[in-house]
Protein backbone atom coordinates (compact mmCIF):
# COMPACT_ATOMS: atom_id res chain seq x y z
CA ASP A 1 -3.30 -0.67 1.18
CA ILE A 2 -6.31 -2.28 0.85
CA LYS A 3 -4.75 -5.89 1.13
CA ASP A 4 -3.05 -4.79 3.45
CA ARG A 5 -5.94 -3.92 5.74
CA ILE A 6 -7.77 -7.15 4.92
CA CYS A 7 -5.01 -9.43 5.64
CA PHE A 8 -4.85 -7.67 9.26
CA TYR A 9 -8.35 -7.89 10.29
CA ALA A 10 -8.49 -11.92 8.37
CA ARG A 11 -5.62 -13.39 10.44
CA ILE A 12 -7.56 -16.84 10.16
CA ILE A 13 -5.81 -17.09 6.36
CA PRO A 14 -2.47 -18.20 6.46
CA GLU A 15 -0.02 -16.11 3.90
CA CYS A 16 -2.83 -13.69 3.45
CA THR A 17 -1.04 -11.26 1.41
CA ALA A 18 0.34 -13.74 -0.94
CA SER A 19 -2.21 -15.49 -1.71
CA LEU A 20 -5.25 -12.44 -1.57
CA GLN A 21 -6.21 -11.49 -4.76
CA VAL A 22 -8.36 -7.72 -5.15
CA GLU A 23 -10.15 -6.54 -7.92
CA MET A 24 -12.15 -3.67 -8.28
CA VAL A 25 -14.31 -2.57 -11.23
CA VAL A 26 -16.47 0.12 -12.19
CA MET A 27 -20.43 -0.56 -12.81
CA ASP A 28 -22.84 1.03 -14.88
CA VAL A 29 -25.98 0.82 -13.07
CA ARG A 30 -27.70 1.66 -16.14
CA ASN A 31 -26.08 -0.99 -18.77
CA TRP A 32 -25.39 -3.69 -15.69
CA VAL A 33 -23.38 -6.49 -16.92
CA ASP A 34 -23.47 -9.52 -14.33
CA SER A 35 -20.17 -11.24 -15.69
CA ALA A 36 -18.73 -8.59 -14.33
CA VAL A 37 -19.08 -9.25 -10.90
CA SER A 38 -20.65 -13.05 -10.97
CA THR A 39 -16.79 -14.58 -11.10
CA VAL A 40 -14.95 -13.35 -8.39
CA ARG A 41 -11.14 -14.46 -9.42
CA CYS A 42 -8.96 -16.06 -7.19
CA ILE A 43 -5.01 -16.19 -7.59
CA ASP A 44 -3.79 -19.72 -9.29
CA ARG A 45 -1.52 -21.26 -7.11
CA ALA A 46 -0.17 -23.15 -10.03
CA LEU A 47 1.11 -20.30 -11.63
CA ASP A 48 4.15 -18.49 -11.68
CA VAL A 49 2.80 -15.14 -13.10
CA GLN A 50 -0.78 -14.60 -12.28
CA PRO A 51 -2.77 -12.27 -14.78
CA ALA A 52 -3.65 -8.80 -14.74
CA VAL A 53 -6.92 -7.76 -12.71
CA GLN A 54 -8.51 -5.07 -13.17
CA PHE A 55 -8.04 -2.27 -10.19
CA THR A 56 -10.09 0.94 -11.26
CA ASN A 57 -10.38 4.07 -9.76
CA GLY A 58 -13.55 5.66 -9.69
CA ASP A 59 -14.94 8.84 -10.50
CA ASN A 60 -17.29 11.38 -8.93
CA ASN A 61 -20.50 9.37 -8.35
CA GLN A 62 -19.75 5.65 -9.75
CA LEU A 63 -20.18 2.84 -8.68
CA MET A 64 -17.58 0.43 -7.50
CA VAL A 65 -17.40 -3.26 -6.93
CA LEU A 66 -14.32 -4.70 -4.84
CA GLN A 67 -13.83 -8.28 -5.32
CA VAL A 68 -11.76 -10.52 -3.05
CA CYS A 69 -10.58 -14.16 -3.18
CA SER A 70 -8.29 -16.05 -1.27
CA LEU A 71 -7.30 -19.57 -1.51
CA PHE A 72 -5.64 -21.55 0.97
CA ASP A 73 -4.53 -24.55 2.80
CA PRO A 74 -6.69 -24.81 5.95
CA ASN A 75 -4.33 -24.91 9.45
CA VAL A 76 -6.48 -27.72 10.79
CA PRO A 77 -8.92 -29.52 7.66
CA GLY A 78 -10.38 -31.92 10.45
CA GLY A 79 -11.35 -29.28 12.70
CA ALA A 80 -14.68 -27.02 12.50
CA LEU A 81 -13.79 -24.84 10.27
CA GLY A 82 -12.21 -27.19 7.75
CA ARG A 83 -14.97 -28.63 8.20
CA SER A 84 -17.13 -26.32 7.52
CA ILE A 85 -16.10 -24.88 4.28
CA LYS A 86 -17.28 -26.51 1.49
CA GLY A 87 -15.43 -24.84 -1.11
CA ASP A 88 -12.92 -27.48 -1.86
CA ASP A 89 -11.68 -26.66 -5.79
CA GLY A 90 -10.15 -30.07 -6.26
CA GLN A 91 -6.58 -29.41 -5.46
CA GLY A 92 -7.19 -29.45 -1.66
CA TYR A 93 -7.64 -25.58 -1.43
CA TYR A 94 -10.25 -23.95 0.11
CA GLY A 95 -11.74 -20.71 -0.94
CA ILE A 96 -13.57 -17.59 0.76
CA GLN A 97 -14.48 -14.78 -1.18
CA ALA A 98 -16.24 -11.61 -0.64
CA SER A 99 -17.60 -8.75 -2.66
CA SER A 100 -18.60 -5.22 -1.54
CA ALA A 101 -20.36 -2.43 -3.57
CA PHE A 102 -19.85 1.51 -2.66
CA VAL A 103 -20.36 4.94 -4.71
CA MET A 104 -17.57 7.31 -4.93
CA GLU A 105 -18.54 10.46 -3.11
CA PRO A 106 -18.05 13.61 -5.21
CA PHE A 107 -14.57 14.66 -4.58
CA GLN A 108 -14.85 18.09 -6.79
């Protein structure tokens, strides 16, 4: 559902649902680990099968970090958007990534 909702609004990303990687992890605010949120994983288009990513539901009052990444071929590489995206990965793909954090509301 999250992936479908993101792709509904991110219409600029071609084949969005196939190229979008979504990961959600629980973070401990008292024992923060930068490596858990500093690397946003994208789909490796060279692989037939993608490695598993975490998508963990949170518990009451837990800090959740949602990370999203998409690698894609720009529709018009020489156009304004194609020129303005600096994330060329060396294989001709451009990347868009976003991270967001939220706290799970108590549900009991």
